[in-house]
Amino acid sequence: MLRPPPKPDKRPQEPPPPPWATDPDGLLESRPGHVRMALTGGVASGKSTVAELLVAFGARLVDFDLLAREALEPGGECFAAAAALFGPKSLTKDGRLDRAFIAKRIFKDARLREALEAEIHPYTWKRMLEELKGMEDAPFVAVDVPLLFETNLFGLFSPAALCFATAQTQLKRLRDRNPDLSGRQAKRVIRSQMHPAEKLRLAHAIVNNDGPMRETVRQTKALWDRLVSPAAKFPPRAAAPAIRPSGRPAPEASGSGTPGGPGAPSGESATPAVGQGGPADPGPAPGLEPAAPGRPRPETPAG
């Protein structure tokens, strides 16, 4: 007896990366002894601290924010386009872009932000590939991508590590480093970003930066040790060569949504560490700070 044809899969697919985000030479491919990890996190989530720790452990770093700043310097590839987009008021007396002025404009006008990102993002991707070509022999490269999930670049990386902190911690850090920012403004910056649950479902590894520094160091070192292990195994990149459909099973959960989080092992109530989920509030365009379902995590031996 003939079987009926399978029903079409109506589940939504994870959005593909932008057309300019390609990796023709496989520079982002991870394998044992050759790790190419994306690092991301919301504003004031402690991402820079984790990046510094990884460098201290021996990683090379490619920083999208620095590449974006390079593009917006006078004579940079995106300088003229940005100056034309925001007009004469966006320039300082010495002929540089007024980053504070532009940050305020793009925070209020999504169309301006999208137009600026359309100039910056392809450039930073191209420069990232250029830098990676010069690091081909490096055993571990961390690529700091602030808008990894927002720009649908996550499928090109394996692994992708997420740094996070609770909204209360983010708010305190954001106001500590920007004293002129009101509480209401800081909350708007945090709330403007991608919902943390989406990032948690997409990340391969989690570093919880809500606790003391020693805990961040411990988790980052554990992540490092697991990824540099000769036995480390990395899942295929979702966007290389094809986008995989949504709806994959999530990690076993305690089901609470409390500090143990959606990915925490059953019965564990502590805030999440490497490879666990948890609550987080994950902004500004690259270089202008003040301003879906999950993929399998890397199979690595316990640290």
C-alpha atoms as a PDB file:
ATOM      1  CA  MET A   1       0.000   0.000   0.000  1.00  0.00           C
ATOM      2  CA  LEU A   2       1.312   3.399  -0.935  1.00  0.00           C
ATOM      3  CA  ARG A   3       1.978   5.717   1.958  1.00  0.00           C
ATOM      4  CA  PRO A   4       0.466   9.195   1.781  1.00  0.00           C
ATOM      5  CA  PRO A   5       2.991  11.940   0.992  1.00  0.00           C
ATOM      6  CA  PRO A   6       4.426  13.669   4.060  1.00  0.00           C
ATOM      7  CA  LYS A   7       2.780  16.845   5.148  1.00  0.00           C
ATOM      8  CA  PRO A   8       4.783  19.977   4.358  1.00  0.00           C
ATOM      9  CA  ASP A   9       6.759  21.406   7.252  1.00  0.00           C
ATOM     10  CA  LYS A  10       5.010  24.655   8.133  1.00  0.00           C
ATOM     11  CA  ARG A  11       7.361  25.551  10.943  1.00  0.00           C
ATOM     12  CA  PRO A  12       9.136  28.880  10.381  1.00  0.00           C
ATOM     13  CA  GLN A  13      12.769  28.711   9.409  1.00  0.00           C
ATOM     14  CA  GLU A  14      15.520  30.580  11.144  1.00  0.00           C
ATOM     15  CA  PRO A  15      16.192  33.657   9.014  1.00  0.00           C
ATOM     16  CA  PRO A  16      19.184  33.293   6.704  1.00  0.00           C
ATOM     17  CA  PRO A  17      22.201  35.535   7.104  1.00  0.00           C
ATOM     18  CA  PRO A  18      22.389  38.705   4.997  1.00  0.00           C
ATOM     19  CA  PRO A  19      23.661  38.226   1.427  1.00  0.00           C
ATOM     20  CA  TRP A  20      26.978  39.937   2.228  1.00  0.00           C
ATOM     21  CA  ALA A  21      27.701  37.511   5.106  1.00  0.00           C
ATOM     22  CA  THR A  22      29.552  34.714   3.367  1.00  0.00           C
ATOM     23  CA  ASP A  23      32.502  32.525   4.279  1.00  0.00           C
ATOM     24  CA  PRO A  24      33.784  31.146   0.973  1.00  0.00           C
ATOM     25  CA  ASP A  25      37.120  30.020   2.406  1.00  0.00           C
ATOM     26  CA  GLY A  26      35.711  28.388   5.537  1.00  0.00           C
ATOM     27  CA  LEU A  27      37.562  30.815   7.805  1.00  0.00           C
ATOM     28  CA  LEU A  28      34.858  30.510  10.471  1.00  0.00           C
ATOM     29  CA  GLU A  29      34.843  26.709  10.586  1.00  0.00           C
ATOM     30  CA  SER A  30      35.734  25.271  13.989  1.00  0.00           C
ATOM     31  CA  ARG A  31      37.451  21.949  14.534  1.00  0.00           C
ATOM     32  CA  PRO A  32      39.605  20.516  17.329  1.00  0.00           C
ATOM     33  CA  GLY A  33      42.672  22.723  17.698  1.00  0.00           C
ATOM     34  CA  HIS A  34      41.146  25.419  15.486  1.00  0.00           C
ATOM     35  CA  VAL A  35      38.314  27.216  17.321  1.00  0.00           C
ATOM     36  CA  ARG A  36      36.487  30.138  15.743  1.00  0.00           C
ATOM     37  CA  MET A  37      33.964  31.282  18.341  1.00  0.00           C
ATOM     38  CA  ALA A  38      31.468  34.133  18.152  1.00  0.00           C
ATOM     39  CA  LEU A  39      31.103  36.117  21.375  1.00  0.00           C
ATOM     40  CA  THR A  40      28.068  38.296  21.962  1.00  0.00           C
ATOM     41  CA  GLY A  41      25.924  39.812  24.699  1.00  0.00           C
ATOM     42  CA  GLY A  42      23.557  42.657  25.488  1.00  0.00           C
ATOM     43  CA  VAL A  43      24.607  46.095  26.608  1.00  0.00           C
ATOM     44  CA  ALA A  44      26.496  46.069  29.931  1.00  0.00           C
ATOM     45  CA  SER A  45      26.474  42.265  29.991  1.00  0.00           C
ATOM     46  CA  GLY A  46      30.203  41.904  30.686  1.00  0.00           C
ATOM     47  CA  LYS A  47      31.136  40.830  27.158  1.00  0.00           C
ATOM     48  CA  SER A  48      34.289  42.945  27.094  1.00  0.00           C
ATOM     49  CA  THR A  49      35.434  41.340  30.347  1.00  0.00           C
ATOM     50  CA  VAL A  50      34.997  37.848  28.895  1.00  0.00           C
ATOM     51  CA  ALA A  51      36.829  38.902  25.726  1.00  0.00           C
ATOM     52  CA  GLU A  52      39.762  40.175  27.798  1.00  0.00           C
ATOM     53  CA  LEU A  53      39.854  36.916  29.751  1.00  0.00           C
ATOM     54  CA  LEU A  54      39.896  34.842  26.579  1.00  0.00           C
ATOM     55  CA  VAL A  55      42.799  36.902  25.262  1.00  0.00           C
ATOM     56  CA  ALA A  56      44.620  36.362  28.580  1.00  0.00           C
ATOM     57  CA  PHE A  57      44.102  32.601  28.160  1.00  0.00           C
ATOM     58  CA  GLY A  58      45.663  32.746  24.691  1.00  0.00           C
ATOM     59  CA  ALA A  59      42.891  33.625  22.223  1.00  0.00           C
ATOM     60  CA  ARG A  60      43.202  36.079  19.365  1.00  0.00           C
ATOM     61  CA  LEU A  61      40.381  38.624  19.142  1.00  0.00           C
ATOM     62  CA  VAL A  62      38.507  40.227  16.262  1.00  0.00           C
ATOM     63  CA  ASP A  63      36.301  43.064  17.561  1.00  0.00           C
ATOM     64  CA  PHE A  64      33.412  44.251  15.359  1.00  0.00           C
ATOM     65  CA  ASP A  65      33.064  47.474  17.363  1.00  0.00           C
ATOM     66  CA  LEU A  66      36.674  48.423  16.656  1.00  0.00           C
ATOM     67  CA  LEU A  67      36.223  47.647  12.953  1.00  0.00           C
ATOM     68  CA  ALA A  68      33.076  49.793  12.897  1.00  0.00           C
ATOM     69  CA  ARG A  69      34.913  52.680  14.545  1.00  0.00           C
ATOM     70  CA  GLU A  70      37.635  52.305  11.943  1.00  0.00           C
ATOM     71  CA  ALA A  71      35.011  52.607   9.194  1.00  0.00           C
ATOM     72  CA  LEU A  72      33.609  55.831  10.691  1.00  0.00           C
ATOM     73  CA  GLU A  73      36.904  57.634  11.168  1.00  0.00           C
ATOM     74  CA  PRO A  74      37.615  60.523   8.737  1.00  0.00           C
ATOM     75  CA  GLY A  75      38.738  58.878   5.532  1.00  0.00           C
ATOM     76  CA  GLY A  76      37.184  55.580   6.579  1.00  0.00           C
ATOM     77  CA  GLU A  77      35.119  53.576   4.134  1.00  0.00           C
ATOM     78  CA  CYS A  78      31.783  54.521   5.736  1.00  0.00           C
ATOM     79  CA  PHE A  79      32.598  58.065   6.880  1.00  0.00           C
ATOM     80  CA  ALA A  80      31.236  59.939   3.861  1.00  0.00           C
ATOM     81  CA  ALA A  81      28.022  57.915   3.743  1.00  0.00           C
ATOM     82  CA  ALA A  82      27.392  58.477   7.457  1.00  0.00           C
ATOM     83  CA  ALA A  83      28.087  62.213   7.200  1.00  0.00           C
ATOM     84  CA  ALA A  84      25.676  62.488   4.263  1.00  0.00           C
ATOM     85  CA  LEU A  85      23.048  60.442   6.076  1.00  0.00           C
ATOM     86  CA  PHE A  86      23.054  62.556   9.259  1.00  0.00           C
ATOM     87  CA  GLY A  87      23.938  65.941   7.798  1.00  0.00           C
ATOM     88  CA  PRO A  88      26.332  68.744   8.837  1.00  0.00           C
ATOM     89  CA  LYS A  89      25.172  68.691  12.470  1.00  0.00           C
ATOM     90  CA  SER A  90      26.687  65.220  12.837  1.00  0.00           C
ATOM     91  CA  LEU A  91      30.214  66.590  12.422  1.00  0.00           C
ATOM     92  CA  THR A  92      32.349  68.029  15.211  1.00  0.00           C
ATOM     93  CA  LYS A  93      34.526  71.105  14.808  1.00  0.00           C
ATOM     94  CA  ASP A  94      37.531  68.954  13.967  1.00  0.00           C
ATOM     95  CA  GLY A  95      35.645  67.175  11.188  1.00  0.00           C
ATOM     96  CA  ARG A  96      34.875  63.919  12.967  1.00  0.00           C
ATOM     97  CA  LEU A  97      31.509  62.258  13.392  1.00  0.00           C
ATOM     98  CA  ASP A  98      29.729  63.221  16.601  1.00  0.00           C
ATOM     99  CA  ARG A  99      29.003  59.736  17.928  1.00  0.00           C
ATOM    100  CA  ALA A 100      26.728  60.971  20.722  1.00  0.00           C
ATOM    101  CA  PHE A 101      24.614  62.954  18.230  1.00  0.00           C
ATOM    102  CA  ILE A 102      24.318  59.980  15.878  1.00  0.00           C
ATOM    103  CA  ALA A 103      23.555  57.561  18.714  1.00  0.00           C
ATOM    104  CA  LYS A 104      20.618  59.724  19.825  1.00  0.00           C
ATOM    105  CA  ARG A 105      19.290  59.959  16.260  1.00  0.00           C
ATOM    106  CA  ILE A 106      19.409  56.241  15.522  1.00  0.00           C
ATOM    107  CA  PHE A 107      17.877  55.393  18.879  1.00  0.00           C
ATOM    108  CA  LYS A 108      14.824  57.469  17.970  1.00  0.00           C
ATOM    109  CA  ASP A 109      14.663  56.620  14.252  1.00  0.00           C
ATOM    110  CA  ALA A 110      14.886  52.950  13.237  1.00  0.00           C
ATOM    111  CA  ARG A 111      15.153  53.877   9.555  1.00  0.00           C
ATOM    112  CA  LEU A 112      18.285  55.917  10.159  1.00  0.00           C
ATOM    113  CA  ARG A 113      19.760  53.086  12.159  1.00  0.00           C
ATOM    114  CA  GLU A 114      19.037  50.559   9.424  1.00  0.00           C
ATOM    115  CA  ALA A 115      20.560  52.854   6.816  1.00  0.00           C
ATOM    116  CA  LEU A 116      23.733  53.272   8.883  1.00  0.00           C
ATOM    117  CA  GLU A 117      23.997  49.543   9.576  1.00  0.00           C
ATOM    118  CA  ALA A 118      23.562  48.835   5.858  1.00  0.00           C
ATOM    119  CA  GLU A 119      26.824  50.728   5.351  1.00  0.00           C
ATOM    120  CA  ILE A 120      28.733  49.447   8.385  1.00  0.00           C
ATOM    121  CA  HIS A 121      27.859  45.762   8.586  1.00  0.00           C
ATOM    122  CA  PRO A 122      29.144  44.648   5.156  1.00  0.00           C
ATOM    123  CA  TYR A 123      32.371  46.531   5.794  1.00  0.00           C
ATOM    124  CA  THR A 124      32.951  44.986   9.222  1.00  0.00           C
ATOM    125  CA  TRP A 125      32.268  41.510   7.830  1.00  0.00           C
ATOM    126  CA  LYS A 126      34.776  42.037   5.019  1.00  0.00           C
ATOM    127  CA  ARG A 127      37.391  43.315   7.466  1.00  0.00           C
ATOM    128  CA  MET A 128      36.722  40.398   9.813  1.00  0.00           C
ATOM    129  CA  LEU A 129      37.500  37.927   7.020  1.00  0.00           C
ATOM    130  CA  GLU A 130      40.678  39.838   6.210  1.00  0.00           C
ATOM    131  CA  GLU A 131      41.818  39.653   9.823  1.00  0.00           C
ATOM    132  CA  LEU A 132      40.942  35.964  10.084  1.00  0.00           C
ATOM    133  CA  LYS A 133      43.075  35.209   7.032  1.00  0.00           C
ATOM    134  CA  GLY A 134      46.034  36.596   8.970  1.00  0.00           C
ATOM    135  CA  MET A 135      45.159  34.374  11.947  1.00  0.00           C
ATOM    136  CA  GLU A 136      44.758  31.049  10.162  1.00  0.00           C
ATOM    137  CA  ASP A 137      47.395  29.408  12.340  1.00  0.00           C
ATOM    138  CA  ALA A 138      45.869  30.659  15.615  1.00  0.00           C
ATOM    139  CA  PRO A 139      44.316  27.781  17.591  1.00  0.00           C
ATOM    140  CA  PHE A 140      41.564  29.972  19.083  1.00  0.00           C
ATOM    141  CA  VAL A 141      40.001  33.160  17.706  1.00  0.00           C
ATOM    142  CA  ALA A 142      37.093  34.902  19.425  1.00  0.00           C
ATOM    143  CA  VAL A 143      35.017  37.148  17.168  1.00  0.00           C
ATOM    144  CA  ASP A 144      33.229  39.799  19.235  1.00  0.00           C
ATOM    145  CA  VAL A 145      29.925  40.466  17.417  1.00  0.00           C
ATOM    146  CA  PRO A 146      27.576  42.712  19.452  1.00  0.00           C
ATOM    147  CA  LEU A 147      24.576  42.136  17.154  1.00  0.00           C
ATOM    148  CA  LEU A 148      25.239  38.483  16.353  1.00  0.00           C
ATOM    149  CA  PHE A 149      21.625  37.359  16.694  1.00  0.00           C
ATOM    150  CA  GLU A 150      19.955  40.608  15.651  1.00  0.00           C
ATOM    151  CA  THR A 151      21.743  40.527  12.283  1.00  0.00           C
ATOM    152  CA  ASN A 152      21.202  36.774  11.771  1.00  0.00           C
ATOM    153  CA  LEU A 153      24.924  36.036  11.678  1.00  0.00           C
ATOM    154  CA  PHE A 154      24.782  33.305  14.334  1.00  0.00           C
ATOM    155  CA  GLY A 155      24.297  30.510  11.806  1.00  0.00           C
ATOM    156  CA  LEU A 156      27.757  31.135  10.373  1.00  0.00           C
ATOM    157  CA  PHE A 157      29.479  30.412  13.696  1.00  0.00           C
ATOM    158  CA  SER A 158      29.922  27.292  15.773  1.00  0.00           C
ATOM    159  CA  PRO A 159      30.221  27.798  18.662  1.00  0.00           C
ATOM    160  CA  ALA A 160      28.428  31.020  19.592  1.00  0.00           C
ATOM    161  CA  ALA A 161      28.832  32.110  23.229  1.00  0.00           C
ATOM    162  CA  LEU A 162      26.431  34.484  24.960  1.00  0.00           C
ATOM    163  CA  CYS A 163      27.367  36.740  27.892  1.00  0.00           C
ATOM    164  CA  PHE A 164      24.497  38.004  29.985  1.00  0.00           C
ATOM    165  CA  ALA A 165      23.453  39.650  33.212  1.00  0.00           C
ATOM    166  CA  THR A 166      20.075  40.381  34.734  1.00  0.00           C
ATOM    167  CA  ALA A 167      18.314  43.604  33.820  1.00  0.00           C
ATOM    168  CA  GLN A 168      19.052  45.029  37.269  1.00  0.00           C
ATOM    169  CA  THR A 169      22.787  44.438  36.841  1.00  0.00           C
ATOM    170  CA  GLN A 170      22.753  45.830  33.317  1.00  0.00           C
ATOM    171  CA  LEU A 171      20.954  48.945  34.516  1.00  0.00           C
ATOM    172  CA  LYS A 172      23.457  49.578  37.294  1.00  0.00           C
ATOM    173  CA  ARG A 173      26.478  49.056  35.035  1.00  0.00           C
ATOM    174  CA  LEU A 174      25.019  51.186  32.272  1.00  0.00           C
ATOM    175  CA  ARG A 175      24.368  54.130  34.601  1.00  0.00           C
ATOM    176  CA  ASP A 176      27.732  53.733  36.361  1.00  0.00           C
ATOM    177  CA  ARG A 177      29.599  54.168  33.088  1.00  0.00           C
ATOM    178  CA  ASN A 178      27.169  56.782  31.686  1.00  0.00           C
ATOM    179  CA  PRO A 179      26.361  59.117  34.628  1.00  0.00           C
ATOM    180  CA  ASP A 180      24.377  61.474  32.377  1.00  0.00           C
ATOM    181  CA  LEU A 181      22.000  58.666  31.414  1.00  0.00           C
ATOM    182  CA  SER A 182      18.751  58.750  33.398  1.00  0.00           C
ATOM    183  CA  GLY A 183      17.209  55.596  34.783  1.00  0.00           C
ATOM    184  CA  ARG A 184      14.405  55.827  32.255  1.00  0.00           C
ATOM    185  CA  GLN A 185      16.821  56.248  29.361  1.00  0.00           C
ATOM    186  CA  ALA A 186      18.932  53.316  30.520  1.00  0.00           C
ATOM    187  CA  LYS A 187      15.858  51.100  30.755  1.00  0.00           C
ATOM    188  CA  ARG A 188      14.863  52.111  27.222  1.00  0.00           C
ATOM    189  CA  VAL A 189      18.297  51.108  25.928  1.00  0.00           C
ATOM    190  CA  ILE A 190      18.019  47.689  27.594  1.00  0.00           C
ATOM    191  CA  ARG A 191      14.436  47.117  26.462  1.00  0.00           C
ATOM    192  CA  SER A 192      15.242  48.117  22.887  1.00  0.00           C
ATOM    193  CA  GLN A 193      17.435  45.072  22.461  1.00  0.00           C
ATOM    194  CA  MET A 194      16.498  41.576  21.361  1.00  0.00           C
ATOM    195  CA  HIS A 195      14.577  39.601  23.978  1.00  0.00           C
ATOM    196  CA  PRO A 196      16.980  37.521  26.079  1.00  0.00           C
ATOM    197  CA  ALA A 197      14.967  34.330  25.666  1.00  0.00           C
ATOM    198  CA  GLU A 198      15.657  34.385  21.930  1.00  0.00           C
ATOM    199  CA  LYS A 199      19.400  34.697  22.479  1.00  0.00           C
ATOM    200  CA  LEU A 200      19.420  31.977  25.102  1.00  0.00           C
ATOM    201  CA  ARG A 201      17.716  29.564  22.716  1.00  0.00           C
ATOM    202  CA  LEU A 202      20.196  30.274  19.945  1.00  0.00           C
ATOM    203  CA  ALA A 203      23.464  30.294  21.894  1.00  0.00           C
ATOM    204  CA  HIS A 204      25.739  27.263  22.136  1.00  0.00           C
ATOM    205  CA  ALA A 205      27.279  28.376  25.441  1.00  0.00           C
ATOM    206  CA  ILE A 206      26.347  30.817  28.201  1.00  0.00           C
ATOM    207  CA  VAL A 207      28.574  32.835  30.531  1.00  0.00           C
ATOM    208  CA  ASN A 208      26.654  34.369  33.430  1.00  0.00           C
ATOM    209  CA  ASN A 209      28.198  37.707  34.372  1.00  0.00           C
ATOM    210  CA  ASP A 210      25.712  38.575  37.072  1.00  0.00           C
ATOM    211  CA  GLY A 211      27.896  37.436  39.964  1.00  0.00           C
ATOM    212  CA  PRO A 212      31.349  38.291  41.285  1.00  0.00           C
ATOM    213  CA  MET A 213      34.353  38.553  39.011  1.00  0.00           C
ATOM    214  CA  ARG A 214      35.807  35.267  40.235  1.00  0.00           C
ATOM    215  CA  GLU A 215      32.701  33.480  38.953  1.00  0.00           C
ATOM    216  CA  THR A 216      33.048  35.063  35.526  1.00  0.00           C
ATOM    217  CA  VAL A 217      36.693  33.986  35.462  1.00  0.00           C
ATOM    218  CA  ARG A 218      35.748  30.442  36.472  1.00  0.00           C
ATOM    219  CA  GLN A 219      33.054  30.112  33.818  1.00  0.00           C
ATOM    220  CA  THR A 220      35.185  31.631  31.071  1.00  0.00           C
ATOM    221  CA  LYS A 221      38.094  29.328  31.912  1.00  0.00           C
ATOM    222  CA  ALA A 222      35.727  26.344  31.883  1.00  0.00           C
ATOM    223  CA  LEU A 223      34.483  27.379  28.450  1.00  0.00           C
ATOM    224  CA  TRP A 224      38.066  27.772  27.238  1.00  0.00           C
ATOM    225  CA  ASP A 225      39.149  24.377  28.582  1.00  0.00           C
ATOM    226  CA  ARG A 226      36.212  22.591  26.990  1.00  0.00           C
ATOM    227  CA  LEU A 227      36.673  24.174  23.574  1.00  0.00           C
ATOM    228  CA  VAL A 228      40.444  23.690  23.346  1.00  0.00           C
ATOM    229  CA  SER A 229      40.162  20.034  24.341  1.00  0.00           C
ATOM    230  CA  PRO A 230      41.401  17.658  21.585  1.00  0.00           C
ATOM    231  CA  ALA A 231      38.107  15.792  22.069  1.00  0.00           C
ATOM    232  CA  ALA A 232      35.922  18.846  21.445  1.00  0.00           C
ATOM    233  CA  LYS A 233      33.184  18.332  18.861  1.00  0.00           C
ATOM    234  CA  PHE A 234      31.368  21.171  17.157  1.00  0.00           C
ATOM    235  CA  PRO A 235      27.893  20.945  15.604  1.00  0.00           C
ATOM    236  CA  PRO A 236      27.601  21.954  11.947  1.00  0.00           C
ATOM    237  CA  ARG A 237      27.102  25.617  11.302  1.00  0.00           C
ATOM    238  CA  ALA A 238      23.421  26.265  10.638  1.00  0.00           C
ATOM    239  CA  ALA A 239      24.057  28.560   7.671  1.00  0.00           C
ATOM    240  CA  ALA A 240      26.781  26.489   6.074  1.00  0.00           C
ATOM    241  CA  PRO A 241      25.589  25.448   3.611  1.00  0.00           C
ATOM    242  CA  ALA A 242      21.869  25.506   4.441  1.00  0.00           C
ATOM    243  CA  ILE A 243      19.551  26.946   7.074  1.00  0.00           C
ATOM    244  CA  ARG A 244      18.063  24.277   9.287  1.00  0.00           C
ATOM    245  CA  PRO A 245      14.351  24.465  10.183  1.00  0.00           C
ATOM    246  CA  SER A 246      13.138  25.718  13.516  1.00  0.00           C
ATOM    247  CA  GLY A 247      11.487  23.547  16.095  1.00  0.00           C
ATOM    248  CA  ARG A 248      14.459  21.547  17.360  1.00  0.00           C
ATOM    249  CA  PRO A 249      14.033  20.190  20.882  1.00  0.00           C
ATOM    250  CA  ALA A 250      15.334  22.429  23.656  1.00  0.00           C
ATOM    251  CA  PRO A 251      17.735  21.175  26.334  1.00  0.00           C
ATOM    252  CA  GLU A 252      16.164  19.416  29.298  1.00  0.00           C
ATOM    253  CA  ALA A 253      14.851  22.059  31.642  1.00  0.00           C
ATOM    254  CA  SER A 254      13.731  22.442  35.174  1.00  0.00           C
ATOM    255  CA  GLY A 255      10.808  24.328  33.628  1.00  0.00           C
ATOM    256  CA  SER A 256      10.906  27.135  36.126  1.00  0.00           C
ATOM    257  CA  GLY A 257      12.201  30.156  34.213  1.00  0.00           C
ATOM    258  CA  THR A 258      13.766  31.168  37.521  1.00  0.00           C
ATOM    259  CA  PRO A 259      17.516  31.688  38.045  1.00  0.00           C
ATOM    260  CA  GLY A 260      18.132  28.068  37.039  1.00  0.00           C
ATOM    261  CA  GLY A 261      16.669  28.994  33.683  1.00  0.00           C
ATOM    262  CA  PRO A 262      15.259  27.063  30.753  1.00  0.00           C
ATOM    263  CA  GLY A 263      18.472  25.167  30.128  1.00  0.00           C
ATOM    264  CA  ALA A 264      19.478  24.370  33.692  1.00  0.00           C
ATOM    265  CA  PRO A 265      19.668  20.727  34.701  1.00  0.00           C
ATOM    266  CA  SER A 266      16.692  19.467  36.630  1.00  0.00           C
ATOM    267  CA  GLY A 267      16.845  20.352  40.306  1.00  0.00           C
ATOM    268  CA  GLU A 268      19.539  23.021  39.892  1.00  0.00           C
ATOM    269  CA  SER A 269      18.580  26.492  41.067  1.00  0.00           C
ATOM    270  CA  ALA A 270      21.891  28.307  40.752  1.00  0.00           C
ATOM    271  CA  THR A 271      22.323  30.900  38.027  1.00  0.00           C
ATOM    272  CA  PRO A 272      23.538  29.355  34.771  1.00  0.00           C
ATOM    273  CA  ALA A 273      27.150  28.760  33.874  1.00  0.00           C
ATOM    274  CA  VAL A 274      28.719  27.545  30.654  1.00  0.00           C
ATOM    275  CA  GLY A 275      26.267  25.609  28.542  1.00  0.00           C
ATOM    276  CA  GLN A 276      23.231  26.370  30.686  1.00  0.00           C
ATOM    277  CA  GLY A 277      20.336  28.702  30.069  1.00  0.00           C
ATOM    278  CA  GLY A 278      18.938  31.377  32.310  1.00  0.00           C
ATOM    279  CA  PRO A 279      17.092  34.708  32.447  1.00  0.00           C
ATOM    280  CA  ALA A 280      18.696  37.713  30.867  1.00  0.00           C
ATOM    281  CA  ASP A 281      17.904  41.076  29.349  1.00  0.00           C
ATOM    282  CA  PRO A 282      20.140  41.134  26.461  1.00  0.00           C
ATOM    283  CA  GLY A 283      21.012  49.147  21.110  1.00  0.00           C
ATOM    284  CA  PRO A 284      23.185  51.047  19.443  1.00  0.00           C
ATOM    285  CA  ALA A 285      24.797  50.413  16.080  1.00  0.00           C
ATOM    286  CA  PRO A 286      28.349  49.036  16.100  1.00  0.00           C
ATOM    287  CA  GLY A 287      30.888  51.602  17.207  1.00  0.00           C
ATOM    288  CA  LEU A 288      28.201  53.881  18.634  1.00  0.00           C
ATOM    289  CA  GLU A 289      27.358  52.416  22.060  1.00  0.00           C
ATOM    290  CA  PRO A 290      25.115  54.835  23.937  1.00  0.00           C
ATOM    291  CA  ALA A 291      24.396  55.310  22.470  1.00  0.00           C
ATOM    292  CA  ALA A 292      14.817  30.579  16.457  1.00  0.00           C
ATOM    293  CA  PRO A 293      14.867  27.997  18.650  1.00  0.00           C
ATOM    294  CA  GLY A 294      18.179  26.791  19.905  1.00  0.00           C
ATOM    295  CA  ARG A 295      20.889  24.887  18.176  1.00  0.00           C
ATOM    296  CA  PRO A 296      22.652  21.979  19.851  1.00  0.00           C
ATOM    297  CA  ARG A 297      25.495  22.942  22.137  1.00  0.00           C
ATOM    298  CA  PRO A 298      29.022  21.726  21.364  1.00  0.00           C
ATOM    299  CA  GLU A 299      29.739  18.208  22.557  1.00  0.00           C
ATOM    300  CA  THR A 300      32.743  18.614  24.815  1.00  0.00           C
ATOM    301  CA  PRO A 301      34.073  16.675  27.753  1.00  0.00           C
ATOM    302  CA  ALA A 302      33.490  18.038  31.223  1.00  0.00           C
ATOM    303  CA  GLY A 303      36.112  20.584  32.213  1.00  0.00           C
END
